[in-house]
């Protein structure tokens, strides 16, 4: 009977050793996972800061586009005014030529 108890205790001890080995392996794996998680958190933090920088740049670009649109609209308006002025000059020039032709005819 003592032999059976001894064998059972040895068997239990062997299983406990295996469990302890498995637990040590799990501890090592958990430590690696914690390190990986820490690295991922740092990466996520970097990505978030880069996204903030990009959003700021996008906002600046959008404002620049708005400013350019306003400038283009102003230039277009100025060109239209100049075109109208040129038409007036052409009409006045044509009238002046007609007046000059009449004066020459009178002489």
PDB file of N, CA and C in Angstrom:
ATOM      1  N   UNK A   1       0.810  -1.178   0.000  1.00  0.00           N
ATOM      2  CA  UNK A   1       0.000   0.000   0.000  1.00  0.00           C
ATOM      3  C   UNK A   1       0.868   1.263   0.000  1.00  0.00           C
ATOM      4  N   UNK A   2       1.937   1.243   0.768  1.00  0.00           N
ATOM      5  CA  UNK A   2       2.832   2.393   0.795  1.00  0.00           C
ATOM      6  C   UNK A   2       3.431   2.637  -0.584  1.00  0.00           C
ATOM      7  N   UNK A   3       3.689   1.552  -1.311  1.00  0.00           N
ATOM      8  CA  UNK A   3       4.234   1.693  -2.664  1.00  0.00           C
ATOM      9  C   UNK A   3       3.233   2.374  -3.588  1.00  0.00           C
ATOM     10  N   UNK A   4       1.975   2.012  -3.428  1.00  0.00           N
ATOM     11  CA  UNK A   4       0.939   2.617  -4.271  1.00  0.00           C
ATOM     12  C   UNK A   4       0.817   4.114  -3.973  1.00  0.00           C
ATOM     13  N   UNK A   5       0.866   4.434  -2.699  1.00  0.00           N
ATOM     14  CA  UNK A   5       0.781   5.848  -2.318  1.00  0.00           C
ATOM     15  C   UNK A   5       1.997   6.596  -2.859  1.00  0.00           C
ATOM     16  N   UNK A   6       3.156   5.973  -2.748  1.00  0.00           N
ATOM     17  CA  UNK A   6       4.385   6.574  -3.254  1.00  0.00           C
ATOM     18  C   UNK A   6       4.307   6.787  -4.760  1.00  0.00           C
ATOM     19  N   UNK A   7       3.796   5.779  -5.474  1.00  0.00           N
ATOM     20  CA  UNK A   7       3.645   5.900  -6.931  1.00  0.00           C
ATOM     21  C   UNK A   7       2.656   7.011  -7.283  1.00  0.00           C
ATOM     22  N   UNK A   8       1.565   7.082  -6.541  1.00  0.00           N
ATOM     23  CA  UNK A   8       0.576   8.139  -6.785  1.00  0.00           C
ATOM     24  C   UNK A   8       1.189   9.517  -6.521  1.00  0.00           C
ATOM     25  N   UNK A   9       1.937   9.628  -5.443  1.00  0.00           N
ATOM     26  CA  UNK A   9       2.577  10.897  -5.126  1.00  0.00           C
ATOM     27  C   UNK A   9       3.601  11.274  -6.190  1.00  0.00           C
ATOM     28  N   UNK A  10       4.359  10.284  -6.672  1.00  0.00           N
ATOM     29  CA  UNK A  10       5.340  10.548  -7.724  1.00  0.00           C
ATOM     30  C   UNK A  10       4.641  10.968  -9.017  1.00  0.00           C
ATOM     31  N   UNK A  11       3.538  10.292  -9.311  1.00  0.00           N
ATOM     32  CA  UNK A  11       2.758  10.637 -10.507  1.00  0.00           C
ATOM     33  C   UNK A  11       2.213  12.055 -10.387  1.00  0.00           C
ATOM     34  N   UNK A  12       1.680  12.371  -9.206  1.00  0.00           N
ATOM     35  CA  UNK A  12       1.145  13.717  -8.981  1.00  0.00           C
ATOM     36  C   UNK A  12       2.264  14.754  -9.066  1.00  0.00           C
ATOM     37  N   UNK A  13       3.415  14.403  -8.512  1.00  0.00           N
ATOM     38  CA  UNK A  13       4.561  15.311  -8.552  1.00  0.00           C
ATOM     39  C   UNK A  13       5.009  15.545  -9.990  1.00  0.00           C
ATOM     40  N   UNK A  14       5.013  14.492 -10.791  1.00  0.00           N
ATOM     41  CA  UNK A  14       5.381  14.604 -12.201  1.00  0.00           C
ATOM     42  C   UNK A  14       4.401  15.509 -12.940  1.00  0.00           C
ATOM     43  N   UNK A  15       3.112  15.318 -12.662  1.00  0.00           N
ATOM     44  CA  UNK A  15       2.094  16.152 -13.310  1.00  0.00           C
ATOM     45  C   UNK A  15       2.213  17.604 -12.853  1.00  0.00           C
ATOM     46  N   UNK A  16       2.518  17.809 -11.575  1.00  0.00           N
ATOM     47  CA  UNK A  16       2.696  19.167 -11.076  1.00  0.00           C
ATOM     48  C   UNK A  16       3.901  19.829 -11.732  1.00  0.00           C
ATOM     49  N   UNK A  17       4.960  19.047 -11.937  1.00  0.00           N
ATOM     50  CA  UNK A  17       6.138  19.580 -12.625  1.00  0.00           C
ATOM     51  C   UNK A  17       5.794  19.987 -14.055  1.00  0.00           C
ATOM     52  N   UNK A  18       4.991  19.145 -14.726  1.00  0.00           N
ATOM     53  CA  UNK A  18       4.565  19.472 -16.090  1.00  0.00           C
ATOM     54  C   UNK A  18       3.716  20.750 -16.085  1.00  0.00           C
ATOM     55  N   UNK A  19       2.812  20.834 -15.102  1.00  0.00           N
ATOM     56  CA  UNK A  19       1.968  22.028 -14.996  1.00  0.00           C
ATOM     57  C   UNK A  19       2.815  23.270 -14.713  1.00  0.00           C
ATOM     58  N   UNK A  20       3.805  23.121 -13.837  1.00  0.00           N
ATOM     59  CA  UNK A  20       4.684  24.245 -13.519  1.00  0.00           C
ATOM     60  C   UNK A  20       5.445  24.681 -14.768  1.00  0.00           C
ATOM     61  N   UNK A  21       5.901  23.702 -15.544  1.00  0.00           N
ATOM     62  CA  UNK A  21       6.601  24.014 -16.789  1.00  0.00           C
ATOM     63  C   UNK A  21       5.671  24.741 -17.757  1.00  0.00           C
ATOM     64  N   UNK A  22       4.436  24.260 -17.848  1.00  0.00           N
ATOM     65  CA  UNK A  22       3.452  24.905 -18.724  1.00  0.00           C
ATOM     66  C   UNK A  22       3.162  26.328 -18.249  1.00  0.00           C
ATOM     67  N   UNK A  23       3.050  26.501 -16.935  1.00  0.00           N
ATOM     68  CA  UNK A  23       2.783  27.830 -16.380  1.00  0.00           C
ATOM     69  C   UNK A  23       3.950  28.767 -16.672  1.00  0.00           C
ATOM     70  N   UNK A  24       5.184  28.277 -16.528  1.00  0.00           N
ATOM     71  CA  UNK A  24       6.353  29.102 -16.845  1.00  0.00           C
ATOM     72  C   UNK A  24       6.349  29.509 -18.315  1.00  0.00           C
ATOM     73  N   UNK A  25       5.979  28.568 -19.173  1.00  0.00           N
ATOM     74  CA  UNK A  25       5.891  28.862 -20.605  1.00  0.00           C
ATOM     75  C   UNK A  25       4.825  29.924 -20.861  1.00  0.00           C
ATOM     76  N   UNK A  26       3.687  29.795 -20.171  1.00  0.00           N
ATOM     77  CA  UNK A  26       2.609  30.779 -20.322  1.00  0.00           C
ATOM     78  C   UNK A  26       3.050  32.146 -19.818  1.00  0.00           C
ATOM     79  N   UNK A  27       3.795  32.170 -18.710  1.00  0.00           N
ATOM     80  CA  UNK A  27       4.290  33.446 -18.187  1.00  0.00           C
ATOM     81  C   UNK A  27       5.186  34.127 -19.215  1.00  0.00           C
ATOM     82  N   UNK A  28       6.031  33.346 -19.850  1.00  0.00           N
ATOM     83  CA  UNK A  28       6.913  33.887 -20.882  1.00  0.00           C
ATOM     84  C   UNK A  28       6.091  34.442 -22.046  1.00  0.00           C
ATOM     85  N   UNK A  29       5.076  33.683 -22.456  1.00  0.00           N
ATOM     86  CA  UNK A  29       4.208  34.136 -23.547  1.00  0.00           C
ATOM     87  C   UNK A  29       3.476  35.423 -23.160  1.00  0.00           C
ATOM     88  N   UNK A  30       2.993  35.482 -21.918  1.00  0.00           N
ATOM     89  CA  UNK A  30       2.274  36.673 -21.454  1.00  0.00           C
ATOM     90  C   UNK A  30       3.203  37.880 -21.436  1.00  0.00           C
ATOM     91  N   UNK A  31       4.436  37.677 -21.011  1.00  0.00           N
ATOM     92  CA  UNK A  31       5.414  38.768 -21.004  1.00  0.00           C
ATOM     93  C   UNK A  31       5.645  39.282 -22.423  1.00  0.00           C
ATOM     94  N   UNK A  32       5.773  38.368 -23.379  1.00  0.00           N
ATOM     95  CA  UNK A  32       5.949  38.767 -24.780  1.00  0.00           C
ATOM     96  C   UNK A  32       4.724  39.517 -25.287  1.00  0.00           C
ATOM     97  N   UNK A  33       3.533  39.039 -24.916  1.00  0.00           N
ATOM     98  CA  UNK A  33       2.303  39.709 -25.342  1.00  0.00           C
ATOM     99  C   UNK A  33       2.230  41.124 -24.768  1.00  0.00           C
ATOM    100  N   UNK A  34       2.624  41.274 -23.499  1.00  0.00           N
ATOM    101  CA  UNK A  34       2.612  42.604 -22.890  1.00  0.00           C
ATOM    102  C   UNK A  34       3.563  43.541 -23.631  1.00  0.00           C
ATOM    103  N   UNK A  35       4.728  43.032 -23.994  1.00  0.00           N
ATOM    104  CA  UNK A  35       5.687  43.851 -24.746  1.00  0.00           C
ATOM    105  C   UNK A  35       5.107  44.232 -26.107  1.00  0.00           C
ATOM    106  N   UNK A  36       4.461  43.275 -26.761  1.00  0.00           N
ATOM    107  CA  UNK A  36       3.842  43.554 -28.062  1.00  0.00           C
ATOM    108  C   UNK A  36       2.734  44.595 -27.921  1.00  0.00           C
ATOM    109  N   UNK A  37       1.937  44.476 -26.864  1.00  0.00           N
ATOM    110  CA  UNK A  37       0.845  45.429 -26.642  1.00  0.00           C
ATOM    111  C   UNK A  37       1.409  46.824 -26.400  1.00  0.00           C
ATOM    112  N   UNK A  38       2.481  46.908 -25.631  1.00  0.00           N
ATOM    113  CA  UNK A  38       3.118  48.202 -25.380  1.00  0.00           C
ATOM    114  C   UNK A  38       3.606  48.817 -26.687  1.00  0.00           C
ATOM    115  N   UNK A  39       4.204  47.995 -27.531  1.00  0.00           N
ATOM    116  CA  UNK A  39       4.681  48.474 -28.832  1.00  0.00           C
ATOM    117  C   UNK A  39       3.512  48.932 -29.702  1.00  0.00           C
ATOM    118  N   UNK A  40       2.427  48.168 -29.694  1.00  0.00           N
ATOM    119  CA  UNK A  40       1.252  48.544 -30.482  1.00  0.00           C
ATOM    120  C   UNK A  40       0.656  49.857 -29.984  1.00  0.00           C
ATOM    121  N   UNK A  41       0.619  50.039 -28.662  1.00  0.00           N
ATOM    122  CA  UNK A  41       0.095  51.289 -28.115  1.00  0.00           C
ATOM    123  C   UNK A  41       0.945  52.471 -28.570  1.00  0.00           C
ATOM    124  N   UNK A  42       2.253  52.288 -28.579  1.00  0.00           N
ATOM    125  CA  UNK A  42       3.140  53.359 -29.047  1.00  0.00           C
ATOM    126  C   UNK A  42       2.886  53.648 -30.527  1.00  0.00           C
ATOM    127  N   UNK A  43       2.720  52.587 -31.320  1.00  0.00           N
ATOM    128  CA  UNK A  43       2.440  52.766 -32.749  1.00  0.00           C
ATOM    129  C   UNK A  43       1.121  53.501 -32.958  1.00  0.00           C
ATOM    130  N   UNK A  44       0.094  53.127 -32.202  1.00  0.00           N
ATOM    131  CA  UNK A  44      -1.214  53.779 -32.320  1.00  0.00           C
ATOM    132  C   UNK A  44      -1.092  55.254 -31.943  1.00  0.00           C
ATOM    133  N   UNK A  45      -0.333  55.539 -30.906  1.00  0.00           N
ATOM    134  CA  UNK A  45      -0.132  56.926 -30.489  1.00  0.00           C
ATOM    135  C   UNK A  45       0.552  57.723 -31.597  1.00  0.00           C
ATOM    136  N   UNK A  46       1.567  57.135 -32.221  1.00  0.00           N
ATOM    137  CA  UNK A  46       2.256  57.804 -33.332  1.00  0.00           C
ATOM    138  C   UNK A  46       1.314  58.038 -34.502  1.00  0.00           C
ATOM    139  N   UNK A  47       0.508  57.041 -34.809  1.00  0.00           N
ATOM    140  CA  UNK A  47      -0.440  57.167 -35.922  1.00  0.00           C
ATOM    141  C   UNK A  47      -1.441  58.283 -35.631  1.00  0.00           C
ATOM    142  N   UNK A  48      -1.927  58.347 -34.387  1.00  0.00           N
ATOM    143  CA  UNK A  48      -2.879  59.401 -34.029  1.00  0.00           C
ATOM    144  C   UNK A  48      -2.258  60.780 -34.189  1.00  0.00           C
ATOM    145  N   UNK A  49      -1.015  60.931 -33.752  1.00  0.00           N
ATOM    146  CA  UNK A  49      -0.378  62.248 -33.882  1.00  0.00           C
ATOM    147  C   UNK A  49      -0.144  62.594 -35.353  1.00  0.00           C
ATOM    148  N   UNK A  50       0.214  61.600 -36.167  1.00  0.00           N
ATOM    149  CA  UNK A  50       0.392  61.852 -37.599  1.00  0.00           C
ATOM    150  C   UNK A  50      -0.932  62.225 -38.260  1.00  0.00           C
ATOM    151  N   UNK A  51      -2.015  61.591 -37.829  1.00  0.00           N
ATOM    152  CA  UNK A  51      -3.337  61.919 -38.383  1.00  0.00           C
ATOM    153  C   UNK A  51      -3.704  63.356 -38.027  1.00  0.00           C
ATOM    154  N   UNK A  52      -3.405  63.773 -36.785  1.00  0.00           N
ATOM    155  CA  UNK A  52      -3.692  65.158 -36.398  1.00  0.00           C
ATOM    156  C   UNK A  52      -2.911  66.131 -37.273  1.00  0.00           C
ATOM    157  N   UNK A  53      -1.644  65.812 -37.520  1.00  0.00           N
ATOM    158  CA  UNK A  53      -0.816  66.673 -38.376  1.00  0.00           C
ATOM    159  C   UNK A  53      -1.401  66.729 -39.783  1.00  0.00           C
ATOM    160  N   UNK A  54      -1.799  65.567 -40.314  1.00  0.00           N
ATOM    161  CA  UNK A  54      -2.377  65.528 -41.667  1.00  0.00           C
ATOM    162  C   UNK A  54      -3.686  66.302 -41.725  1.00  0.00           C
ATOM    163  N   UNK A  55      -4.512  66.181 -40.686  1.00  0.00           N
ATOM    164  CA  UNK A  55      -5.772  66.918 -40.673  1.00  0.00           C
ATOM    165  C   UNK A  55      -5.520  68.420 -40.671  1.00  0.00           C
ATOM    166  N   UNK A  56      -4.503  68.851 -39.932  1.00  0.00           N
ATOM    167  CA  UNK A  56      -4.144  70.270 -39.927  1.00  0.00           C
ATOM    168  C   UNK A  56      -3.708  70.709 -41.321  1.00  0.00           C
ATOM    169  N   UNK A  57      -2.893  69.883 -41.968  1.00  0.00           N
ATOM    170  CA  UNK A  57      -2.439  70.213 -43.324  1.00  0.00           C
ATOM    171  C   UNK A  57      -3.614  70.256 -44.298  1.00  0.00           C
ATOM    172  N   UNK A  58      -4.539  69.317 -44.154  1.00  0.00           N
ATOM    173  CA  UNK A  58      -5.718  69.293 -45.028  1.00  0.00           C
ATOM    174  C   UNK A  58      -6.542  70.558 -44.818  1.00  0.00           C
ATOM    175  N   UNK A  59      -6.722  70.953 -43.545  1.00  0.00           N
ATOM    176  CA  UNK A  59      -7.462  72.184 -43.261  1.00  0.00           C
ATOM    177  C   UNK A  59      -6.780  73.386 -43.912  1.00  0.00           C
ATOM    178  N   UNK A  60      -5.451  73.432 -43.826  1.00  0.00           N
ATOM    179  CA  UNK A  60      -4.706  74.532 -44.452  1.00  0.00           C
ATOM    180  C   UNK A  60      -4.887  74.525 -45.967  1.00  0.00           C
ATOM    181  N   UNK A  61      -4.842  73.332 -46.565  1.00  0.00           N
ATOM    182  CA  UNK A  61      -5.036  73.227 -48.017  1.00  0.00           C
ATOM    183  C   UNK A  61      -6.438  73.681 -48.416  1.00  0.00           C
ATOM    184  N   UNK A  62      -7.437  73.277 -47.633  1.00  0.00           N
ATOM    185  CA  UNK A  62      -8.808  73.676 -47.943  1.00  0.00           C
ATOM    186  C   UNK A  62      -8.955  75.192 -47.860  1.00  0.00           C
ATOM    187  N   UNK A  63      -8.340  75.795 -46.841  1.00  0.00           N
ATOM    188  CA  UNK A  63      -8.396  77.253 -46.719  1.00  0.00           C
ATOM    189  C   UNK A  63      -7.690  77.908 -47.897  1.00  0.00           C
ATOM    190  N   UNK A  64      -6.564  77.332 -48.303  1.00  0.00           N
ATOM    191  CA  UNK A  64      -5.847  77.851 -49.468  1.00  0.00           C
ATOM    192  C   UNK A  64      -6.698  77.781 -50.725  1.00  0.00           C
ATOM    193  N   UNK A  65      -7.413  76.676 -50.885  1.00  0.00           N
ATOM    194  CA  UNK A  65      -8.297  76.538 -52.051  1.00  0.00           C
ATOM    195  C   UNK A  65      -9.385  77.607 -52.024  1.00  0.00           C
ATOM    196  N   UNK A  66      -9.960  77.846 -50.847  1.00  0.00           N
ATOM    197  CA  UNK A  66     -10.997  78.876 -50.739  1.00  0.00           C
ATOM    198  C   UNK A  66     -10.429  80.239 -51.116  1.00  0.00           C
ATOM    199  N   UNK A  67      -9.218  80.529 -50.611  1.00  0.00           N
ATOM    200  CA  UNK A  67      -8.584  81.813 -50.932  1.00  0.00           C
ATOM    201  C   UNK A  67      -8.328  81.938 -52.432  1.00  0.00           C
ATOM    202  N   UNK A  68      -7.868  80.852 -53.049  1.00  0.00           N
ATOM    203  CA  UNK A  68      -7.601  80.864 -54.491  1.00  0.00           C
ATOM    204  C   UNK A  68      -8.898  81.072 -55.271  1.00  0.00           C
ATOM    205  N   UNK A  69      -9.974  80.418 -54.844  1.00  0.00           N
ATOM    206  CA  UNK A  69     -11.262  80.596 -55.533  1.00  0.00           C
ATOM    207  C   UNK A  69     -11.713  82.051 -55.461  1.00  0.00           C
ATOM    208  N   UNK A  70     -11.528  82.671 -54.295  1.00  0.00           N
ATOM    209  CA  UNK A  70     -11.910  84.080 -54.149  1.00  0.00           C
ATOM    210  C   UNK A  70     -11.058  84.949 -55.070  1.00  0.00           C
ATOM    211  N   UNK A  71      -9.764  84.675 -55.113  1.00  0.00           N
ATOM    212  CA  UNK A  71      -8.855  85.438 -55.972  1.00  0.00           C
ATOM    213  C   UNK A  71      -9.223  85.265 -57.444  1.00  0.00           C
ATOM    214  N   UNK A  72      -9.506  84.034 -57.850  1.00  0.00           N
ATOM    215  CA  UNK A  72      -9.881  83.762 -59.246  1.00  0.00           C
ATOM    216  C   UNK A  72     -11.180  84.485 -59.593  1.00  0.00           C
ATOM    217  N   UNK A  73     -12.139  84.478 -58.674  1.00  0.00           N
ATOM    218  CA  UNK A  73     -13.402  85.171 -58.930  1.00  0.00           C
ATOM    219  C   UNK A  73     -13.161  86.671 -59.094  1.00  0.00           C
ATOM    220  N   UNK A  74     -12.283  87.221 -58.267  1.00  0.00           N
ATOM    221  CA  UNK A  74     -11.963  88.648 -58.366  1.00  0.00           C
ATOM    222  C   UNK A  74     -11.279  88.959 -59.698  1.00  0.00           C
ATOM    223  N   UNK A  75     -10.338  88.116 -60.086  1.00  0.00           N
ATOM    224  CA  UNK A  75      -9.635  88.310 -61.363  1.00  0.00           C
ATOM    225  C   UNK A  75     -10.617  88.208 -62.525  1.00  0.00           C
ATOM    226  N   UNK A  76     -11.528  87.245 -62.453  1.00  0.00           N
ATOM    227  CA  UNK A  76     -12.529  87.084 -63.514  1.00  0.00           C
ATOM    228  C   UNK A  76     -13.381  88.343 -63.630  1.00  0.00           C
ATOM    229  N   UNK A  77     -13.785  88.878 -62.485  1.00  0.00           N
ATOM    230  CA  UNK A  77     -14.588  90.100 -62.490  1.00  0.00           C
ATOM    231  C   UNK A  77     -13.806  91.260 -63.109  1.00  0.00           C
ATOM    232  N   UNK A  78     -12.530  91.363 -62.740  1.00  0.00           N
ATOM    233  CA  UNK A  78     -11.690  92.433 -63.306  1.00  0.00           C
ATOM    234  C   UNK A  78     -11.537  92.281 -64.816  1.00  0.00           C
ATOM    235  N   UNK A  79     -11.360  91.059 -65.279  1.00  0.00           N
ATOM    236  CA  UNK A  79     -11.216  90.812 -66.719  1.00  0.00           C
ATOM    237  C   UNK A  79     -12.500  91.178 -67.448  1.00  0.00           C
ATOM    238  N   UNK A  80     -13.646  90.838 -66.851  1.00  0.00           N
ATOM    239  CA  UNK A  80     -14.922  91.185 -67.482  1.00  0.00           C
ATOM    240  C   UNK A  80     -15.079  92.704 -67.572  1.00  0.00           C
ATOM    241  N   UNK A  81     -14.672  93.409 -66.507  1.00  0.00           N
ATOM    242  CA  UNK A  81     -14.736  94.874 -66.540  1.00  0.00           C
ATOM    243  C   UNK A  81     -13.813  95.432 -67.622  1.00  0.00           C
ATOM    244  N   UNK A  82     -12.613  94.880 -67.722  1.00  0.00           N
ATOM    245  CA  UNK A  82     -11.662  95.338 -68.744  1.00  0.00           C
ATOM    246  C   UNK A  82     -12.205  95.072 -70.140  1.00  0.00           C
ATOM    247  N   UNK A  83     -12.854  93.933 -70.312  1.00  0.00           N
ATOM    248  CA  UNK A  83     -13.436  93.606 -71.618  1.00  0.00           C
ATOM    249  C   UNK A  83     -14.501  94.629 -71.986  1.00  0.00           C
ATOM    250  N   UNK A  84     -15.352  94.981 -71.024  1.00  0.00           N
ATOM    251  CA  UNK A  84     -16.382  95.993 -71.289  1.00  0.00           C
ATOM    252  C   UNK A  84     -15.738  97.341 -71.614  1.00  0.00           C
ATOM    253  N   UNK A  85     -14.688  97.691 -70.869  1.00  0.00           N
ATOM    254  CA  UNK A  85     -13.984  98.955 -71.143  1.00  0.00           C
ATOM    255  C   UNK A  85     -13.390  98.951 -72.549  1.00  0.00           C
ATOM    256  N   UNK A  86     -12.822  97.822 -72.963  1.00  0.00           N
ATOM    257  CA  UNK A  86     -12.239  97.723 -74.307  1.00  0.00           C
ATOM    258  C   UNK A  86     -13.320  97.892 -75.371  1.00  0.00           C
ATOM    259  N   UNK A  87     -14.496  97.334 -75.115  1.00  0.00           N
ATOM    260  CA  UNK A  87     -15.589  97.501 -76.080  1.00  0.00           C
ATOM    261  C   UNK A  87     -15.977  98.980 -76.184  1.00  0.00           C
ATOM    262  N   UNK A  88     -16.011  99.665 -75.045  1.00  0.00           N
ATOM    263  CA  UNK A  88     -16.336 101.100 -75.057  1.00  0.00           C
ATOM    264  C   UNK A  88     -15.271 101.887 -75.832  1.00  0.00           C
ATOM    265  N   UNK A  89     -14.006 101.518 -75.622  1.00  0.00           N
ATOM    266  CA  UNK A  89     -12.911 102.188 -76.336  1.00  0.00           C
ATOM    267  C   UNK A  89     -13.048 101.944 -77.836  1.00  0.00           C
ATOM    268  N   UNK A  90     -13.381 100.719 -78.219  1.00  0.00           N
ATOM    269  CA  UNK A  90     -13.551 100.409 -79.643  1.00  0.00           C
ATOM    270  C   UNK A  90     -14.684 101.229 -80.245  1.00  0.00           C
ATOM    271  N   UNK A  91     -15.797 101.329 -79.508  1.00  0.00           N
ATOM    272  CA  UNK A  91     -16.935 102.111 -80.010  1.00  0.00           C
ATOM    273  C   UNK A  91     -16.540 103.584 -80.133  1.00  0.00           C
ATOM    274  N   UNK A  92     -15.855 104.106 -79.105  1.00  0.00           N
ATOM    275  CA  UNK A  92     -15.437 105.517 -79.145  1.00  0.00           C
ATOM    276  C   UNK A  92     -14.447 105.746 -80.280  1.00  0.00           C
ATOM    277  N   UNK A  93     -13.526 104.811 -80.482  1.00  0.00           N
ATOM    278  CA  UNK A  93     -12.545 104.936 -81.561  1.00  0.00           C
ATOM    279  C   UNK A  93     -13.246 104.929 -82.916  1.00  0.00           C
ATOM    280  N   UNK A  94     -14.208 104.053 -83.074  1.00  0.00           N
ATOM    281  CA  UNK A  94     -14.946 103.996 -84.349  1.00  0.00           C
ATOM    282  C   UNK A  94     -15.683 105.308 -84.590  1.00  0.00           C
ATOM    283  N   UNK A  95     -16.285 105.861 -83.535  1.00  0.00           N
ATOM    284  CA  UNK A  95     -16.995 107.138 -83.674  1.00  0.00           C
ATOM    285  C   UNK A  95     -16.009 108.249 -84.029  1.00  0.00           C
ATOM    286  N   UNK A  96     -14.854 108.234 -83.376  1.00  0.00           N
ATOM    287  CA  UNK A  96     -13.840 109.255 -83.678  1.00  0.00           C
ATOM    288  C   UNK A  96     -13.380 109.149 -85.129  1.00  0.00           C
ATOM    289  N   UNK A  97     -13.177 107.950 -85.622  1.00  0.00           N
ATOM    290  CA  UNK A  97     -12.768 107.774 -87.022  1.00  0.00           C
ATOM    291  C   UNK A  97     -13.857 108.288 -87.962  1.00  0.00           C
ATOM    292  N   UNK A  98     -15.085 108.031 -87.573  1.00  0.00           N
ATOM    293  CA  UNK A  98     -16.184 108.529 -88.417  1.00  0.00           C
ATOM    294  C   UNK A  98     -16.185 110.054 -88.422  1.00  0.00           C
ATOM    295  N   UNK A  99     -15.967 110.645 -87.235  1.00  0.00           N
ATOM    296  CA  UNK A  99     -15.917 112.113 -87.155  1.00  0.00           C
ATOM    297  C   UNK A  99     -14.751 112.657 -87.971  1.00  0.00           C
ATOM    298  N   UNK A 100     -13.603 112.001 -87.895  1.00  0.00           N
ATOM    299  CA  UNK A 100     -12.427 112.430 -88.664  1.00  0.00           C
ATOM    300  C   UNK A 100     -12.718 112.337 -90.161  1.00  0.00           C
ATOM    301  N   UNK A 101     -13.374 111.279 -90.575  1.00  0.00           N
ATOM    302  CA  UNK A 101     -13.708 111.121 -91.998  1.00  0.00           C
ATOM    303  C   UNK A 101     -14.646 112.231 -92.445  1.00  0.00           C
ATOM    304  N   UNK A 102     -15.610 112.604 -91.601  1.00  0.00           N
ATOM    305  CA  UNK A 102     -16.531 113.692 -91.949  1.00  0.00           C
ATOM    306  C   UNK A 102     -15.787 115.024 -92.059  1.00  0.00           C
ATOM    307  N   UNK A 103     -14.869 115.253 -91.123  1.00  0.00           N
ATOM    308  CA  UNK A 103     -14.103 116.499 -91.162  1.00  0.00           C
ATOM    309  C   UNK A 103     -13.245 116.574 -92.420  1.00  0.00           C
ATOM    310  N   UNK A 104     -12.666 115.459 -92.813  1.00  0.00           N
ATOM    311  CA  UNK A 104     -11.860 115.438 -94.030  1.00  0.00           C
ATOM    312  C   UNK A 104     -12.739 115.690 -95.249  1.00  0.00           C
ATOM    313  N   UNK A 105     -13.934 115.166 -95.196  1.00  0.00           N
ATOM    314  CA  UNK A 105     -14.836 115.335 -96.335  1.00  0.00           C
ATOM    315  C   UNK A 105     -15.269 116.793 -96.467  1.00  0.00           C
ATOM    316  N   UNK A 106     -15.388 117.487 -95.341  1.00  0.00           N
ATOM    317  CA  UNK A 106     -15.815 118.884 -95.354  1.00  0.00           C
ATOM    318  C   UNK A 106     -14.713 119.757 -95.936  1.00  0.00           C
ATOM    319  N   UNK A 107     -13.506 119.508 -95.748  1.00  0.00           N
ATOM    320  CA  UNK A 107     -12.411 120.342 -96.229  1.00  0.00           C
ATOM    321  C   UNK A 107     -12.401 120.394 -97.675  1.00  0.00           C
TER     322      UNK A 107
END
